[in-house]
Amino acid sequence: MASDGFTTCLWFDDQAEEAAHYYVSVFKDSDSRVGEITHYPEGGHRPVGTVLTVDFTANGQKFVGLNGGPQFKFTEAISFQITCENQEEVDHYSERLTEDGGELGPCGWVKDRFGVSWQVVPSRLLEMFSGPDRAAAARANKAMESMRKLDIAALERAFAGE
């Protein structure tokens, strides 16, 4: 049995197309694009012609946005982790994902205007946590817990014991 991998389905009330274009604009790379858009047929639970699904790729990850109605909402139980190489990337994703009604959460988490949760994490923090110096990792963790948007320089200072 052949598989095309995983595609994440995001259930929206009626903002799937808006969200797809938004995510493609946030993750500007050659793999980010909006693909096929389908519409509700006759007999669907939305008016004929209303957007049903939107296929899109953001940062190489395949998604389908589904306009399913207001029954389900996003929660922090599911989030997407963005591994950032530097502070510029942390700032970019934190700022873009919180614009127009999104919000910063604790420890580098953000919730975008659609209610989708993201973890904006520097790769250096992951290295700190997985390294052999457990006391340094604990200091970095304590510093992270006091932050909203993560500050790599401050995490480095905490890790070093400064």
C-alpha atoms as a PDB file:
ATOM      1  CA  MET A   1       0.000   0.000   0.000  1.00  0.00           C
ATOM      2  CA  ALA A   2       1.531   3.313  -1.081  1.00  0.00           C
ATOM      3  CA  SER A   3       1.318   6.359   1.125  1.00  0.00           C
ATOM      4  CA  ASP A   4       1.710  10.013   0.286  1.00  0.00           C
ATOM      5  CA  GLY A   5       2.757  10.772   3.872  1.00  0.00           C
ATOM      6  CA  PHE A   6       0.704  12.801   6.303  1.00  0.00           C
ATOM      7  CA  THR A   7      -1.451  15.807   5.606  1.00  0.00           C
ATOM      8  CA  THR A   8      -2.629  17.820   8.582  1.00  0.00           C
ATOM      9  CA  CYS A   9      -6.290  18.829   8.403  1.00  0.00           C
ATOM     10  CA  LEU A  10      -7.214  22.079  10.131  1.00  0.00           C
ATOM     11  CA  TRP A  11     -10.935  22.547  10.836  1.00  0.00           C
ATOM     12  CA  PHE A  12     -12.146  26.122  10.497  1.00  0.00           C
ATOM     13  CA  ASP A  13     -15.613  27.590  10.766  1.00  0.00           C
ATOM     14  CA  ASP A  14     -15.409  29.444   7.441  1.00  0.00           C
ATOM     15  CA  GLN A  15     -11.857  30.873   7.251  1.00  0.00           C
ATOM     16  CA  ALA A  16      -9.936  28.026   5.551  1.00  0.00           C
ATOM     17  CA  GLU A  17      -9.051  29.982   2.411  1.00  0.00           C
ATOM     18  CA  GLU A  18      -8.057  33.102   4.381  1.00  0.00           C
ATOM     19  CA  ALA A  19      -5.937  30.953   6.717  1.00  0.00           C
ATOM     20  CA  ALA A  20      -4.226  29.142   3.835  1.00  0.00           C
ATOM     21  CA  HIS A  21      -3.160  32.404   2.209  1.00  0.00           C
ATOM     22  CA  TYR A  22      -2.055  33.758   5.593  1.00  0.00           C
ATOM     23  CA  TYR A  23       0.134  30.738   6.447  1.00  0.00           C
ATOM     24  CA  VAL A  24       1.709  30.757   2.984  1.00  0.00           C
ATOM     25  CA  SER A  25       2.611  34.437   3.548  1.00  0.00           C
ATOM     26  CA  VAL A  26       4.127  33.682   6.982  1.00  0.00           C
ATOM     27  CA  PHE A  27       6.263  30.788   5.731  1.00  0.00           C
ATOM     28  CA  LYS A  28       7.766  32.346   2.617  1.00  0.00           C
ATOM     29  CA  ASP A  29       9.801  29.631   0.973  1.00  0.00           C
ATOM     30  CA  SER A  30       9.712  27.818  -2.331  1.00  0.00           C
ATOM     31  CA  ASP A  31       7.558  25.041  -0.867  1.00  0.00           C
ATOM     32  CA  SER A  32       4.814  27.346   0.464  1.00  0.00           C
ATOM     33  CA  ARG A  33       1.803  27.653  -1.804  1.00  0.00           C
ATOM     34  CA  VAL A  34      -1.979  27.424  -1.976  1.00  0.00           C
ATOM     35  CA  GLY A  35      -3.193  24.497  -4.048  1.00  0.00           C
ATOM     36  CA  GLU A  36      -6.596  23.098  -4.948  1.00  0.00           C
ATOM     37  CA  ILE A  37      -9.748  24.692  -3.559  1.00  0.00           C
ATOM     38  CA  THR A  38     -12.961  22.642  -3.471  1.00  0.00           C
ATOM     39  CA  HIS A  39     -16.490  23.911  -2.933  1.00  0.00           C
ATOM     40  CA  TYR A  40     -19.615  22.554  -1.282  1.00  0.00           C
ATOM     41  CA  PRO A  41     -21.863  20.715  -3.730  1.00  0.00           C
ATOM     42  CA  GLU A  42     -25.627  20.654  -3.814  1.00  0.00           C
ATOM     43  CA  GLY A  43     -26.937  19.040  -0.615  1.00  0.00           C
ATOM     44  CA  GLY A  44     -23.957  20.028   1.550  1.00  0.00           C
ATOM     45  CA  HIS A  45     -24.437  21.684   4.925  1.00  0.00           C
ATOM     46  CA  ARG A  46     -23.219  25.018   3.509  1.00  0.00           C
ATOM     47  CA  PRO A  47     -24.505  26.965   0.491  1.00  0.00           C
ATOM     48  CA  VAL A  48     -23.497  25.580  -2.901  1.00  0.00           C
ATOM     49  CA  GLY A  49     -20.205  27.086  -4.011  1.00  0.00           C
ATOM     50  CA  THR A  50     -18.978  27.926  -0.485  1.00  0.00           C
ATOM     51  CA  VAL A  51     -15.334  26.893   0.009  1.00  0.00           C
ATOM     52  CA  LEU A  52     -15.187  23.370   1.454  1.00  0.00           C
ATOM     53  CA  THR A  53     -11.434  22.646   1.489  1.00  0.00           C
ATOM     54  CA  VAL A  54      -8.179  24.369   0.618  1.00  0.00           C
ATOM     55  CA  ASP A  55      -4.995  22.386   0.060  1.00  0.00           C
ATOM     56  CA  PHE A  56      -1.840  24.287   0.948  1.00  0.00           C
ATOM     57  CA  THR A  57       1.792  23.759   1.786  1.00  0.00           C
ATOM     58  CA  ALA A  58       3.566  25.875   4.381  1.00  0.00           C
ATOM     59  CA  ASN A  59       7.298  25.427   4.945  1.00  0.00           C
ATOM     60  CA  GLY A  60       7.159  22.056   3.183  1.00  0.00           C
ATOM     61  CA  GLN A  61       4.324  20.704   5.382  1.00  0.00           C
ATOM     62  CA  LYS A  62       1.109  19.684   3.630  1.00  0.00           C
ATOM     63  CA  PHE A  63      -2.192  20.915   5.063  1.00  0.00           C
ATOM     64  CA  VAL A  64      -5.828  20.926   4.139  1.00  0.00           C
ATOM     65  CA  GLY A  65      -8.063  23.626   5.554  1.00  0.00           C
ATOM     66  CA  LEU A  66     -11.654  22.464   6.014  1.00  0.00           C
ATOM     67  CA  ASN A  67     -14.589  24.826   6.445  1.00  0.00           C
ATOM     68  CA  GLY A  68     -16.590  22.492   8.649  1.00  0.00           C
ATOM     69  CA  GLY A  69     -18.514  24.955  10.769  1.00  0.00           C
ATOM     70  CA  PRO A  70     -18.357  26.213  14.353  1.00  0.00           C
ATOM     71  CA  GLN A  71     -18.625  22.846  16.140  1.00  0.00           C
ATOM     72  CA  PHE A  72     -14.893  22.406  16.853  1.00  0.00           C
ATOM     73  CA  LYS A  73     -12.257  24.852  18.047  1.00  0.00           C
ATOM     74  CA  PHE A  74      -8.472  24.651  18.214  1.00  0.00           C
ATOM     75  CA  THR A  75      -6.820  24.076  21.597  1.00  0.00           C
ATOM     76  CA  GLU A  76      -3.250  24.006  22.848  1.00  0.00           C
ATOM     77  CA  ALA A  77      -3.481  20.205  22.995  1.00  0.00           C
ATOM     78  CA  ILE A  78      -2.198  20.300  19.407  1.00  0.00           C
ATOM     79  CA  SER A  79       0.512  22.728  18.353  1.00  0.00           C
ATOM     80  CA  PHE A  80       3.088  23.122  15.618  1.00  0.00           C
ATOM     81  CA  GLN A  81       6.723  23.554  16.603  1.00  0.00           C
ATOM     82  CA  ILE A  82       8.815  25.922  14.502  1.00  0.00           C
ATOM     83  CA  THR A  83      12.524  25.355  15.032  1.00  0.00           C
ATOM     84  CA  CYS A  84      14.362  28.646  14.491  1.00  0.00           C
ATOM     85  CA  GLU A  85      18.065  29.049  13.746  1.00  0.00           C
ATOM     86  CA  ASN A  86      18.438  32.574  15.148  1.00  0.00           C
ATOM     87  CA  GLN A  87      16.719  35.444  16.957  1.00  0.00           C
ATOM     88  CA  GLU A  88      15.645  36.997  13.659  1.00  0.00           C
ATOM     89  CA  GLU A  89      13.563  33.894  12.872  1.00  0.00           C
ATOM     90  CA  VAL A  90      12.146  33.778  16.424  1.00  0.00           C
ATOM     91  CA  ASP A  91      11.124  37.428  16.093  1.00  0.00           C
ATOM     92  CA  HIS A  92       9.665  36.934  12.601  1.00  0.00           C
ATOM     93  CA  TYR A  93       7.440  33.984  13.499  1.00  0.00           C
ATOM     94  CA  SER A  94       6.425  35.364  16.882  1.00  0.00           C
ATOM     95  CA  GLU A  95       5.443  38.695  15.361  1.00  0.00           C
ATOM     96  CA  ARG A  96       3.749  37.357  12.220  1.00  0.00           C
ATOM     97  CA  LEU A  97       1.758  34.677  14.019  1.00  0.00           C
ATOM     98  CA  THR A  98       0.467  37.104  16.655  1.00  0.00           C
ATOM     99  CA  GLU A  99      -0.514  39.920  14.297  1.00  0.00           C
ATOM    100  CA  ASP A 100      -4.160  40.817  13.767  1.00  0.00           C
ATOM    101  CA  GLY A 101      -5.506  39.225  16.926  1.00  0.00           C
ATOM    102  CA  GLY A 102      -2.999  36.510  17.780  1.00  0.00           C
ATOM    103  CA  GLU A 103      -1.372  36.391  21.201  1.00  0.00           C
ATOM    104  CA  LEU A 104       1.906  35.516  22.860  1.00  0.00           C
ATOM    105  CA  GLY A 105       1.739  32.721  25.392  1.00  0.00           C
ATOM    106  CA  PRO A 106       4.292  31.444  27.877  1.00  0.00           C
ATOM    107  CA  CYS A 107       7.600  29.809  26.930  1.00  0.00           C
ATOM    108  CA  GLY A 108       7.616  30.804  23.265  1.00  0.00           C
ATOM    109  CA  TRP A 109       4.104  29.597  22.493  1.00  0.00           C
ATOM    110  CA  VAL A 110       1.884  31.766  20.320  1.00  0.00           C
ATOM    111  CA  LYS A 111      -1.714  31.482  19.243  1.00  0.00           C
ATOM    112  CA  ASP A 112      -2.531  32.929  15.839  1.00  0.00           C
ATOM    113  CA  ARG A 113      -5.707  34.818  14.961  1.00  0.00           C
ATOM    114  CA  PHE A 114      -7.397  31.567  13.930  1.00  0.00           C
ATOM    115  CA  GLY A 115      -6.700  29.960  17.320  1.00  0.00           C
ATOM    116  CA  VAL A 116      -3.941  27.605  16.092  1.00  0.00           C
ATOM    117  CA  SER A 117      -1.086  27.150  18.594  1.00  0.00           C
ATOM    118  CA  TRP A 118       2.575  27.330  17.602  1.00  0.00           C
ATOM    119  CA  GLN A 119       5.790  26.799  19.547  1.00  0.00           C
ATOM    120  CA  VAL A 120       8.485  29.183  18.292  1.00  0.00           C
ATOM    121  CA  VAL A 121      11.660  27.492  19.549  1.00  0.00           C
ATOM    122  CA  PRO A 122      15.307  28.285  18.875  1.00  0.00           C
ATOM    123  CA  SER A 123      17.287  25.195  17.865  1.00  0.00           C
ATOM    124  CA  ARG A 124      19.919  26.325  20.384  1.00  0.00           C
ATOM    125  CA  LEU A 125      17.418  25.863  23.239  1.00  0.00           C
ATOM    126  CA  LEU A 126      16.802  22.280  22.143  1.00  0.00           C
ATOM    127  CA  GLU A 127      20.582  21.737  22.188  1.00  0.00           C
ATOM    128  CA  MET A 128      20.777  23.179  25.714  1.00  0.00           C
ATOM    129  CA  PHE A 129      18.028  20.875  26.939  1.00  0.00           C
ATOM    130  CA  SER A 130      19.584  17.766  25.410  1.00  0.00           C
ATOM    131  CA  GLY A 131      23.183  18.445  26.449  1.00  0.00           C
ATOM    132  CA  PRO A 132      25.032  16.669  29.262  1.00  0.00           C
ATOM    133  CA  ASP A 133      25.116  19.649  31.671  1.00  0.00           C
ATOM    134  CA  ARG A 134      21.808  19.145  33.485  1.00  0.00           C
ATOM    135  CA  ALA A 135      22.344  22.115  35.853  1.00  0.00           C
ATOM    136  CA  ALA A 136      22.876  24.439  32.874  1.00  0.00           C
ATOM    137  CA  ALA A 137      19.783  22.980  31.183  1.00  0.00           C
ATOM    138  CA  ALA A 138      17.782  23.636  34.352  1.00  0.00           C
ATOM    139  CA  ARG A 139      18.935  27.275  34.403  1.00  0.00           C
ATOM    140  CA  ALA A 140      17.954  27.711  30.742  1.00  0.00           C
ATOM    141  CA  ASN A 141      14.601  26.085  31.444  1.00  0.00           C
ATOM    142  CA  LYS A 142      13.947  28.429  34.373  1.00  0.00           C
ATOM    143  CA  ALA A 143      14.806  31.426  32.191  1.00  0.00           C
ATOM    144  CA  MET A 144      12.529  30.141  29.417  1.00  0.00           C
ATOM    145  CA  GLU A 145       9.627  29.761  31.843  1.00  0.00           C
ATOM    146  CA  SER A 146       9.811  33.486  32.635  1.00  0.00           C
ATOM    147  CA  MET A 147       9.594  34.498  28.959  1.00  0.00           C
ATOM    148  CA  ARG A 148       6.872  34.888  26.431  1.00  0.00           C
ATOM    149  CA  LYS A 149       8.818  35.423  23.183  1.00  0.00           C
ATOM    150  CA  LEU A 150      12.083  33.539  23.619  1.00  0.00           C
ATOM    151  CA  ASP A 151      15.297  35.577  23.816  1.00  0.00           C
ATOM    152  CA  ILE A 152      18.256  33.442  22.709  1.00  0.00           C
ATOM    153  CA  ALA A 153      20.902  35.753  24.262  1.00  0.00           C
ATOM    154  CA  ALA A 154      19.141  35.650  27.650  1.00  0.00           C
ATOM    155  CA  LEU A 155      18.795  31.867  27.420  1.00  0.00           C
ATOM    156  CA  GLU A 156      22.531  31.595  26.625  1.00  0.00           C
ATOM    157  CA  ARG A 157      23.380  33.751  29.663  1.00  0.00           C
ATOM    158  CA  ALA A 158      21.211  31.601  31.924  1.00  0.00           C
ATOM    159  CA  PHE A 159      22.703  28.430  30.492  1.00  0.00           C
ATOM    160  CA  ALA A 160      26.210  29.789  31.161  1.00  0.00           C
ATOM    161  CA  GLY A 161      25.272  30.711  34.735  1.00  0.00           C
ATOM    162  CA  GLU A 162      25.641  34.460  34.232  1.00  0.00           C
END
